[in-house]
Protein backbone atom coordinates (compact mmCIF):
# COMPACT_ATOMS: atom_id res chain seq x y z
CA MET A 1 80.31 144.21 135.36
CA MET A 2 77.34 146.51 136.29
CA THR A 3 75.73 143.66 137.98
CA LEU A 4 78.41 143.58 140.61
CA GLU A 5 77.82 147.16 141.65
CA LYS A 6 75.09 146.07 144.05
CA VAL A 7 77.38 143.42 145.55
CA TYR A 8 80.18 146.04 145.96
CA LYS A 9 77.76 148.43 147.65
CA LEU A 10 76.54 145.84 150.17
CA ILE A 11 80.31 144.86 151.01
CA GLU A 12 81.06 148.54 151.69
CA GLU A 13 77.90 149.13 153.69
CA ARG A 14 78.69 146.02 155.85
CA LYS A 15 82.48 146.68 156.35
CA ASP A 16 81.98 147.57 159.91
CA LEU A 17 79.97 144.35 160.62
CA ALA A 18 82.76 142.39 158.79
CA ILE A 19 85.38 144.09 160.98
CA LYS A 20 83.28 143.43 164.08
CA ASN A 21 83.14 139.68 163.23
CA LEU A 22 87.00 139.73 162.64
CA ALA A 23 87.48 141.45 166.03
CA GLU A 24 85.39 138.71 167.75
CA PHE A 25 87.38 136.06 165.89
CA ILE A 26 90.80 137.54 166.90
CA ALA A 27 89.74 137.57 170.43
CA ILE A 28 89.77 133.81 170.49
CA PRO A 29 93.44 132.75 171.24
CA SER A 30 93.21 129.63 169.19
CA VAL A 31 96.76 128.68 169.44
CA SER A 32 97.17 125.04 168.09
CA ALA A 33 100.75 124.66 169.38
CA LYS A 34 99.34 124.92 172.94
CA GLU A 35 95.91 123.17 171.90
CA GLU A 36 94.08 126.09 173.40
CA PHE A 37 90.69 127.34 172.38
CA LEU A 38 90.42 125.17 169.13
CA VAL A 39 86.99 124.22 169.97
CA GLU A 40 85.99 127.73 170.48
CA ALA A 41 87.50 128.79 167.22
CA ALA A 42 85.70 125.93 165.33
CA GLU A 43 82.36 126.88 167.00
CA PHE A 44 82.89 130.56 165.94
CA SER A 45 83.57 129.45 162.39
CA GLU A 46 80.51 127.03 162.27
CA LYS A 47 78.32 130.00 163.54
CA LEU A 48 79.63 132.44 160.98
CA LEU A 49 78.95 129.95 158.15
CA LYS A 50 75.59 129.03 159.51
CA ASN A 51 74.49 132.61 159.96
CA ASN A 52 75.31 133.54 156.38
CA GLY A 53 73.40 130.67 154.65
CA PHE A 54 75.65 127.67 154.96
CA LYS A 55 74.64 124.03 155.97
CA THR A 56 77.35 123.30 158.47
CA LYS A 57 78.92 120.58 160.49
CA ILE A 58 81.73 120.26 163.15
CA HIS A 59 83.84 117.10 162.74
CA ASP A 60 85.55 115.50 165.69
CA THR A 61 89.14 114.46 164.63
CA GLY A 62 90.38 113.37 168.09
CA GLY A 63 92.43 116.67 168.02
CA GLY A 64 91.38 119.97 166.76
CA PRO A 65 87.84 120.02 165.03
CA VAL A 66 87.35 120.54 161.39
CA VAL A 67 84.39 122.62 160.27
CA THR A 68 82.56 122.16 157.01
CA GLY A 69 79.95 124.34 155.29
CA ILE A 70 78.04 124.01 152.04
CA ILE A 71 75.74 125.88 149.77
CA ASP A 72 74.41 123.42 147.10
CA VAL A 73 72.47 125.24 144.47
CA GLY A 74 72.59 122.21 142.03
CA ALA A 75 75.15 123.91 139.84
CA LYS A 76 77.37 121.89 137.59
CA ARG A 77 80.54 123.39 139.20
CA THR A 78 81.76 123.69 142.68
CA LEU A 79 84.19 126.07 144.27
CA MET A 80 85.85 125.11 147.59
CA PHE A 81 87.69 127.31 150.28
CA TYR A 82 90.35 125.91 152.65
CA ASP A 83 91.07 128.05 155.67
CA HIS A 84 92.35 127.52 159.17
CA ALA A 85 91.01 129.00 162.42
CA ASP A 86 94.15 128.41 164.56
CA VAL A 87 96.98 130.73 164.77
CA GLN A 88 100.83 130.76 165.79
CA PRO A 89 101.81 131.65 169.42
CA ALA A 90 101.89 135.44 169.95
CA GLU A 91 104.90 135.47 172.17
CA PRO A 92 107.00 137.65 172.83
CA PHE A 93 104.06 139.77 173.81
CA GLU A 94 106.18 142.69 174.75
CA LEU A 95 107.20 143.16 170.96
CA TRP A 96 103.46 143.85 169.99
CA ASP A 97 102.38 147.54 169.88
CA SER A 98 98.91 146.44 170.98
CA PRO A 99 97.52 143.30 172.70
CA PRO A 100 97.82 140.46 170.01
CA PHE A 101 94.25 139.09 170.71
CA GLU A 102 92.58 142.38 170.45
CA LEU A 103 92.00 143.70 166.98
CA ALA A 104 93.39 147.21 166.80
CA ILE A 105 93.17 149.55 163.81
CA ARG A 106 95.99 152.21 163.22
CA GLU A 107 96.63 154.27 160.13
CA GLY A 108 94.38 152.13 157.96
CA ARG A 109 95.80 148.77 159.25
CA MET A 110 94.20 146.05 161.24
CA PHE A 111 96.57 144.46 163.74
CA GLY A 112 96.11 141.16 165.68
CA ARG A 113 97.30 137.59 165.71
CA GLY A 114 95.54 135.76 163.01
CA VAL A 115 94.52 138.88 161.16
CA ALA A 116 96.60 137.88 157.97
CA ASP A 117 96.89 134.17 158.64
CA ASN A 118 94.21 133.57 158.12
CA LYS A 119 91.07 134.68 159.95
CA ASP A 120 90.48 137.61 157.89
CA GLU A 121 90.07 135.38 154.84
CA ILE A 122 87.37 133.31 156.60
CA VAL A 123 85.36 136.49 157.66
CA GLY A 124 85.93 138.05 154.33
CA ARG A 125 85.06 135.20 152.00
CA VAL A 126 81.98 134.44 153.80
CA HIS A 127 80.88 138.17 153.69
CA ALA A 128 81.49 138.37 150.13
CA ILE A 129 79.31 135.38 149.38
CA LYS A 130 76.55 136.69 151.54
CA ALA A 131 76.66 140.09 149.86
CA TRP A 132 76.35 138.27 146.56
CA LEU A 133 73.31 136.47 147.68
CA ASP A 134 71.64 139.55 149.21
CA ALA A 135 72.27 141.49 145.98
CA GLY A 136 69.70 139.00 144.49
CA LEU A 137 72.29 137.13 142.39
CA GLU A 138 72.15 133.39 141.68
CA LEU A 139 75.30 131.52 142.53
CA PRO A 140 76.88 130.19 139.56
CA CYS A 141 78.60 127.28 141.48
CA ASN A 142 78.15 125.37 144.63
CA ILE A 143 80.36 126.64 147.50
CA LYS A 144 82.24 124.45 150.05
CA PHE A 145 84.19 125.49 153.10
CA VAL A 146 86.86 123.35 154.96
CA ILE A 147 88.10 125.10 158.07
CA GLU A 148 90.65 123.19 160.18
CA THR A 149 92.03 124.20 163.56
CA GLU A 150 95.55 122.48 163.34
CA GLU A 151 97.29 124.09 160.36
CA GLU A 152 99.88 125.76 162.46
CA SER A 153 100.80 122.40 164.04
CA SER A 154 101.20 120.38 160.81
CA SER A 155 97.46 119.53 160.26
CA LYS A 156 98.12 116.50 162.32
CA ASN A 157 94.37 115.22 162.21
CA LEU A 158 93.30 116.77 158.82
CA GLU A 159 94.17 113.61 156.72
CA ASN A 160 92.02 111.46 159.02
CA TYR A 161 89.01 113.86 158.53
CA VAL A 162 89.55 113.85 154.81
CA LYS A 163 89.65 110.04 154.51
CA LYS A 164 86.37 109.81 156.33
CA ASP A 165 84.72 112.57 154.30
CA LEU A 166 86.08 111.86 150.74
CA ASP A 167 82.77 112.62 149.06
CA PHE A 168 82.90 116.14 150.20
CA PHE A 169 86.07 116.53 148.02
CA LYS A 170 84.77 114.99 144.75
CA ASN A 171 83.58 116.93 141.93
CA VAL A 172 85.20 120.22 142.89
CA ASP A 173 86.54 122.45 140.12
CA GLY A 174 88.87 124.64 142.14
CA CYS A 175 89.90 125.47 145.64
CA ILE A 176 91.02 128.91 146.91
CA TRP A 177 93.79 128.21 149.63
CA GLU A 178 94.03 129.90 152.86
CA PHE A 179 96.03 133.21 152.73
CA GLY A 180 98.05 135.22 150.36
CA GLY A 181 98.46 138.95 149.22
CA SER A 182 100.61 141.48 147.46
CA ASN A 183 104.25 141.44 147.06
CA ARG A 184 106.89 144.20 147.66
CA GLU A 185 105.73 145.97 144.44
CA GLY A 186 102.03 145.97 145.50
CA LEU A 187 101.13 143.20 142.96
CA GLN A 188 99.02 140.31 144.03
CA GLU A 189 100.69 136.92 144.10
CA PHE A 190 99.13 133.56 143.46
CA ILE A 191 100.83 130.42 144.96
CA LEU A 192 99.90 127.25 143.13
CA GLY A 193 101.74 124.65 145.24
CA VAL A 194 103.78 123.87 148.32
CA LYS A 195 106.96 121.78 149.07
CA GLY A 196 106.36 118.69 151.01
CA ILE A 197 108.03 118.33 154.41
CA LEU A 198 109.64 115.61 156.64
CA TYR A 199 110.46 117.00 160.08
CA VAL A 200 112.35 114.81 162.49
CA GLN A 201 113.96 114.91 165.97
CA LEU A 202 116.88 112.74 166.13
CA SER A 203 118.61 111.78 169.54
CA VAL A 204 121.27 109.58 170.80
CA LYS A 205 122.25 108.37 174.38
CA GLN A 206 125.68 107.19 175.27
CA MET A 207 125.78 107.18 178.97
CA ASN A 208 123.78 107.03 181.95
CA ILE A 209 124.98 110.44 183.40
CA ASP A 210 127.20 113.37 182.11
CA SER A 211 130.78 113.11 182.92
CA HIS A 212 133.66 115.48 183.86
CA SER A 213 135.48 116.30 180.62
CA ALA A 214 138.73 115.00 182.02
CA ASN A 215 137.38 111.60 180.89
CA ALA A 216 137.18 112.72 177.30
CA THR A 217 140.21 110.43 176.72
CA HIS A 218 138.05 107.32 177.05
CA LEU A 219 134.30 108.18 177.39
CA PRO A 220 132.04 108.64 174.45
CA ASN A 221 130.46 112.08 173.60
CA ALA A 222 126.77 112.01 172.58
CA GLY A 223 127.02 115.50 171.05
CA GLU A 224 129.97 114.41 168.86
CA ARG A 225 128.21 111.23 167.94
CA LEU A 226 125.07 112.92 166.75
CA LEU A 227 127.04 115.58 164.77
CA GLN A 228 128.91 112.76 163.01
CA ALA A 229 125.59 111.19 162.06
CA ALA A 230 124.13 114.56 160.90
CA ASN A 231 127.01 115.26 158.70
CA LEU A 232 126.24 112.00 156.70
CA LEU A 233 123.14 113.60 155.44
CA LYS A 234 124.60 116.03 152.96
CA ASP A 235 127.82 117.13 151.32
CA LYS A 236 129.50 120.50 151.47
CA ASP A 237 127.71 121.51 148.21
CA GLY A 238 124.32 120.65 149.62
CA LYS A 239 123.64 117.47 147.83
CA ILE A 240 121.58 115.21 149.96
CA LEU A 241 123.23 111.77 150.41
CA ILE A 242 120.52 109.65 151.54
CA PRO A 243 120.13 106.76 149.18
CA LYS A 244 117.40 107.08 146.57
CA PHE A 245 116.62 110.47 147.87
CA TYR A 246 116.32 112.05 144.45
CA ASP A 247 114.52 109.02 142.82
CA GLY A 248 111.16 110.02 141.18
CA ILE A 249 111.38 113.63 141.29
CA GLU A 250 109.18 115.05 138.61
CA GLU A 251 110.83 117.14 135.78
CA ILE A 252 109.84 120.84 135.84
CA THR A 253 107.70 121.56 132.80
CA LYS A 254 108.62 124.32 130.23
CA GLU A 255 105.52 126.29 131.33
CA GLU A 256 106.52 126.14 135.05
CA MET A 257 110.10 127.15 134.23
CA GLU A 258 108.79 130.10 132.32
CA VAL A 259 106.80 131.16 135.36
CA ILE A 260 109.76 130.74 137.52
CA LYS A 261 111.97 132.86 135.22
CA ASN A 262 109.44 135.57 135.21
CA TYR A 263 108.86 135.72 138.98
CA LYS A 264 110.72 138.57 140.84
CA PHE A 265 112.84 137.18 143.56
CA TYR A 266 114.32 140.54 144.92
CA PRO A 267 117.83 138.80 145.49
CA GLU A 268 119.65 141.95 146.42
CA GLU A 269 116.95 142.90 148.89
CA VAL A 270 117.05 139.45 150.48
CA LYS A 271 120.84 139.63 150.89
CA GLU A 272 120.52 143.06 152.46
CA HIS A 273 117.84 141.88 154.87
CA PHE A 274 119.88 139.02 156.01
CA GLY A 275 123.28 140.70 155.93
CA LEU A 276 124.76 138.49 153.23
CA GLU A 277 127.37 139.03 150.56
CA GLU A 278 126.27 136.01 148.58
CA PHE A 279 123.88 133.06 148.58
CA ARG A 280 124.78 129.72 149.81
CA TYR A 281 126.92 127.28 147.83
CA GLY A 282 128.05 130.23 145.64
CA MET A 283 124.80 130.39 143.66
CA ASN A 284 124.21 133.39 141.59
CA ASN A 285 120.87 135.28 141.88
CA ASP A 286 119.10 133.28 139.09
CA GLU A 287 120.25 130.00 140.45
CA ALA A 288 118.97 130.75 143.90
CA LYS A 289 115.62 131.69 142.45
CA VAL A 290 115.33 128.35 140.64
CA ALA A 291 116.38 126.56 143.62
CA TYR A 292 113.89 128.01 145.81
CA PHE A 293 111.07 126.61 143.76
CA THR A 294 112.65 123.23 142.49
CA VAL A 295 115.23 121.83 144.84
CA PRO A 296 114.59 119.71 147.97
CA THR A 297 116.46 120.55 150.98
CA CYS A 298 117.93 119.14 154.26
CA ASN A 299 118.07 121.74 157.12
CA LEU A 300 119.43 121.59 160.67
CA CYS A 301 116.67 123.45 162.74
CA GLY A 302 118.36 123.06 166.15
CA PHE A 303 120.98 121.00 168.09
CA THR A 304 121.16 120.42 171.94
CA ALA A 305 123.90 118.67 173.82
CA GLY A 306 125.74 119.28 177.01
CA TRP A 307 125.95 122.68 178.82
CA GLN A 308 124.10 125.52 177.34
CA GLY A 309 123.99 127.93 180.28
CA GLN A 310 126.08 131.13 181.02
CA GLY A 311 129.81 130.51 181.61
CA GLY A 312 131.79 127.29 181.29
CA LYS A 313 130.98 123.75 182.44
CA THR A 314 133.53 121.10 181.51
CA VAL A 315 131.22 118.24 180.75
CA ILE A 316 130.79 115.38 178.36
CA PRO A 317 127.11 115.07 177.41
CA LYS A 318 125.41 111.81 177.94
CA GLU A 319 122.74 112.49 175.34
CA ALA A 320 122.14 114.82 172.38
CA SER A 321 119.25 115.75 170.18
CA CYS A 322 118.76 117.77 166.98
CA LYS A 323 115.91 118.76 164.72
CA ILE A 324 116.02 118.50 160.97
CA ASP A 325 113.52 119.36 158.39
CA PHE A 326 113.53 118.28 154.74
CA ARG A 327 111.54 120.35 152.25
CA LEU A 328 110.44 117.98 149.36
CA VAL A 329 109.46 118.45 145.83
CA LYS A 330 106.86 116.76 143.67
CA GLY A 331 107.61 113.00 143.47
CA GLN A 332 109.10 112.65 146.92
CA ASP A 333 107.48 110.80 149.67
CA PRO A 334 108.36 111.73 153.37
CA LYS A 335 107.73 108.26 154.54
CA VAL A 336 109.91 106.65 152.20
CA ILE A 337 112.68 109.29 152.96
CA LEU A 338 112.44 108.71 156.64
CA LYS A 339 112.82 104.87 156.22
CA ASN A 340 115.76 105.26 153.85
CA MET A 341 117.42 107.83 156.25
CA MET A 342 117.29 105.37 159.17
CA LYS A 343 118.44 102.48 156.90
CA TYR A 344 121.49 104.76 155.76
CA PHE A 345 122.37 105.56 159.44
CA GLU A 346 122.28 101.82 160.26
CA ASN A 347 124.37 100.91 157.35
CA ASN A 348 126.96 103.46 158.15
CA GLY A 349 127.35 102.18 161.75
CA PHE A 350 124.84 104.68 163.45
CA SER A 351 122.06 102.14 164.47
CA ASP A 352 122.05 103.96 167.90
CA ILE A 353 120.52 107.06 166.40
CA LYS A 354 116.85 107.24 167.33
CA VAL A 355 113.83 109.11 165.86
CA ASP A 356 112.04 110.75 168.95
CA TRP A 357 109.27 111.82 166.58
CA SER A 358 108.52 112.93 163.04
CA ASN A 359 105.77 114.34 160.96
CA GLY A 360 105.35 115.66 157.44
CA TYR A 361 103.33 115.35 154.35
CA PRO A 362 103.90 115.23 150.45
CA PRO A 363 104.24 118.23 148.12
CA SER A 364 101.42 119.45 145.92
CA LYS A 365 101.26 121.45 142.74
CA THR A 366 98.68 122.81 140.21
CA TYR A 367 99.52 123.03 136.70
CA VAL A 368 100.36 126.70 136.00
CA ASN A 369 97.88 126.90 132.97
CA ALA A 370 94.99 125.07 134.66
CA ASP A 371 91.58 126.51 133.71
CA PHE A 372 90.86 127.52 137.41
CA VAL A 373 94.23 129.33 137.55
CA ASN A 374 93.31 131.35 134.48
CA LEU A 375 89.93 132.05 135.94
CA CYS A 376 91.50 133.46 139.06
CA LYS A 377 93.91 135.63 136.95
CA ARG A 378 91.02 137.12 135.12
CA ALA A 379 89.22 137.91 138.31
CA ASN A 380 92.36 139.40 139.81
CA LYS A 381 92.83 141.71 136.65
CA ARG A 382 89.28 142.97 137.20
CA VAL A 383 89.72 143.94 140.79
CA TYR A 384 93.44 145.03 140.90
CA ASN A 385 93.98 146.02 137.30
CA HIS A 386 97.22 144.21 136.96
CA GLU A 387 98.33 140.53 136.16
CA ALA A 388 98.94 138.42 139.16
CA SER A 389 102.41 137.36 140.00
CA ILE A 390 102.68 133.58 140.01
CA GLN A 391 104.57 131.40 142.32
CA SER A 392 104.38 127.69 140.93
CA THR A 393 105.12 126.58 144.37
CA SER A 394 105.96 127.83 147.81
CA GLY A 395 109.35 127.10 149.55
CA GLY A 396 107.08 126.31 152.64
CA SER A 397 104.95 123.52 153.24
CA GLY A 398 101.17 122.79 154.06
CA PRO A 399 98.54 119.94 153.78
CA MET A 400 97.70 121.04 150.14
CA TYR A 401 98.21 117.48 148.73
CA LEU A 402 94.96 116.51 150.55
CA PHE A 403 92.98 118.98 148.19
CA GLY A 404 95.43 119.03 145.12
CA ASP A 405 94.91 115.22 144.66
CA TYR A 406 91.33 116.06 143.70
CA MET A 407 91.26 119.65 142.41
CA PRO A 408 93.33 122.65 141.21
CA VAL A 409 94.33 124.95 144.14
CA VAL A 410 95.31 128.59 144.08
CA SER A 411 96.44 130.42 147.28
CA LEU A 412 95.63 134.20 147.32
CA GLY A 413 94.42 136.63 149.89
CA SER A 414 94.53 140.09 151.46
CA GLY A 415 97.93 140.13 153.01
CA ASN A 416 100.94 142.48 152.15
CA ALA A 417 104.64 142.01 151.90
CA ASN A 418 104.90 143.43 155.48
CA SER A 419 101.88 141.53 157.20
CA ASN A 420 104.22 139.95 159.74
CA ALA A 421 102.42 136.54 159.53
CA HIS A 422 103.74 134.47 162.38
CA ALA A 423 105.51 137.65 163.89
CA PRO A 424 104.65 140.39 166.13
CA ASN A 425 102.33 143.19 164.91
CA GLU A 426 100.74 140.93 162.21
CA ASN A 427 98.46 143.18 160.14
CA ILE A 428 96.62 143.73 156.98
CA TYR A 429 95.16 147.14 155.39
CA VAL A 430 91.52 147.65 155.84
CA ASP A 431 91.32 148.51 152.05
CA ASP A 432 92.95 145.16 151.16
CA PHE A 433 90.32 143.37 153.38
CA ILE A 434 87.56 144.97 151.22
CA ASP A 435 89.26 144.36 148.05
CA GLY A 436 89.83 140.61 149.03
CA MET A 437 86.09 140.30 149.33
CA LYS A 438 85.64 141.91 145.95
CA MET A 439 88.14 139.41 144.53
CA ILE A 440 86.03 136.53 145.71
CA VAL A 441 82.91 138.15 144.01
CA ASN A 442 84.79 138.49 140.82
CA VAL A 443 85.86 134.64 141.07
CA LEU A 444 82.14 133.94 141.43
CA ASP A 445 81.30 136.06 138.53
CA GLU A 446 83.99 134.25 136.33
CA PHE A 447 82.26 130.91 137.17
CA ARG A 448 79.16 132.18 135.21
CA ASN A 449 81.07 131.62 132.06
CA TRP A 450 83.19 128.61 132.94
């Protein structure tokens, strides 16, 4: 452990430089939903890697660029980092206490859009590796970075890049995944997987123009038509009725179920936060926790039809649309589910329901006792002096399958339970930023004996 003191000292001495780099990064408003400043964010990422010893390349995807970096020392093992240089929209701006694209430090916290998700991790991880090298230590593993610029927009061009650069993903022993952090009790959390997703916009058009509602006796209502179709998707208990929806779902292992049972879900705090008396479908606290990790869902995200303005307007809407997401578990394929859903509509007399657009990707999950997971747990214990809290999978989704098909993946980072990722006043603690660098250093150190 004494050999790391030099590295720690360099991290502390260069803290201001790391924060300066992060401020420069935050100042790039790389909002992928608006397709703004993605090239600039990629160029910044590439420069940061190159200035700190990496051989780099910017890959054109036809959309947001992907940046790769590598330090190849000829080691038998390889560590990969996946990060993204794009961010969520910062609106509404008036809810921020300081401008979202200007890094601000208040009471030991850094504020700015992307400071937790996940520009801080890019800067911190690169600085940690540079400190290791400048301390005169040999890298025990080769290191690769993949930094994309469309994660917040479903990573729509990442798969095309991966298919063209498959060799870059071969013989990797573990991947540290974008962002993470501590929970409500201050314990570091690891996330080992993500649910898959299918997101669709459905629509139906029944007439050429809206009509006066006096004609509701004989004219069709597009809003009602779409609601009838949507109501076919699941029953009152939440069971999804699309044929073959549950076919092929992988059984949860005993080891994973043990991890799920040990995970602290904070059910009463969740109910209080959302103003609930009980969870959906009458689930008790333990049932809700298990469902979060293991059950696929069908969720109505939004519905649009007819008059939505202030006051009344007696109208029959000519058309209607809705947005629906399906969170999927291991063994489910979003392409197959989309095909089966449309066939299901057609077989039930709803062939007029159209898919305006859809996107999605499969789930991914790393075995809870994988060697790389245990390596990260040992590193965590050294830095934070406690056992990491493990989520076997996240309720959310991401393009982890592109990596998880080739290597074990662990998501960890420097955030906290109140980091407000995707919300106004996104933040991390300065001390957590520093500890996050030390975590990476200890992961490297653990590679020495793997």
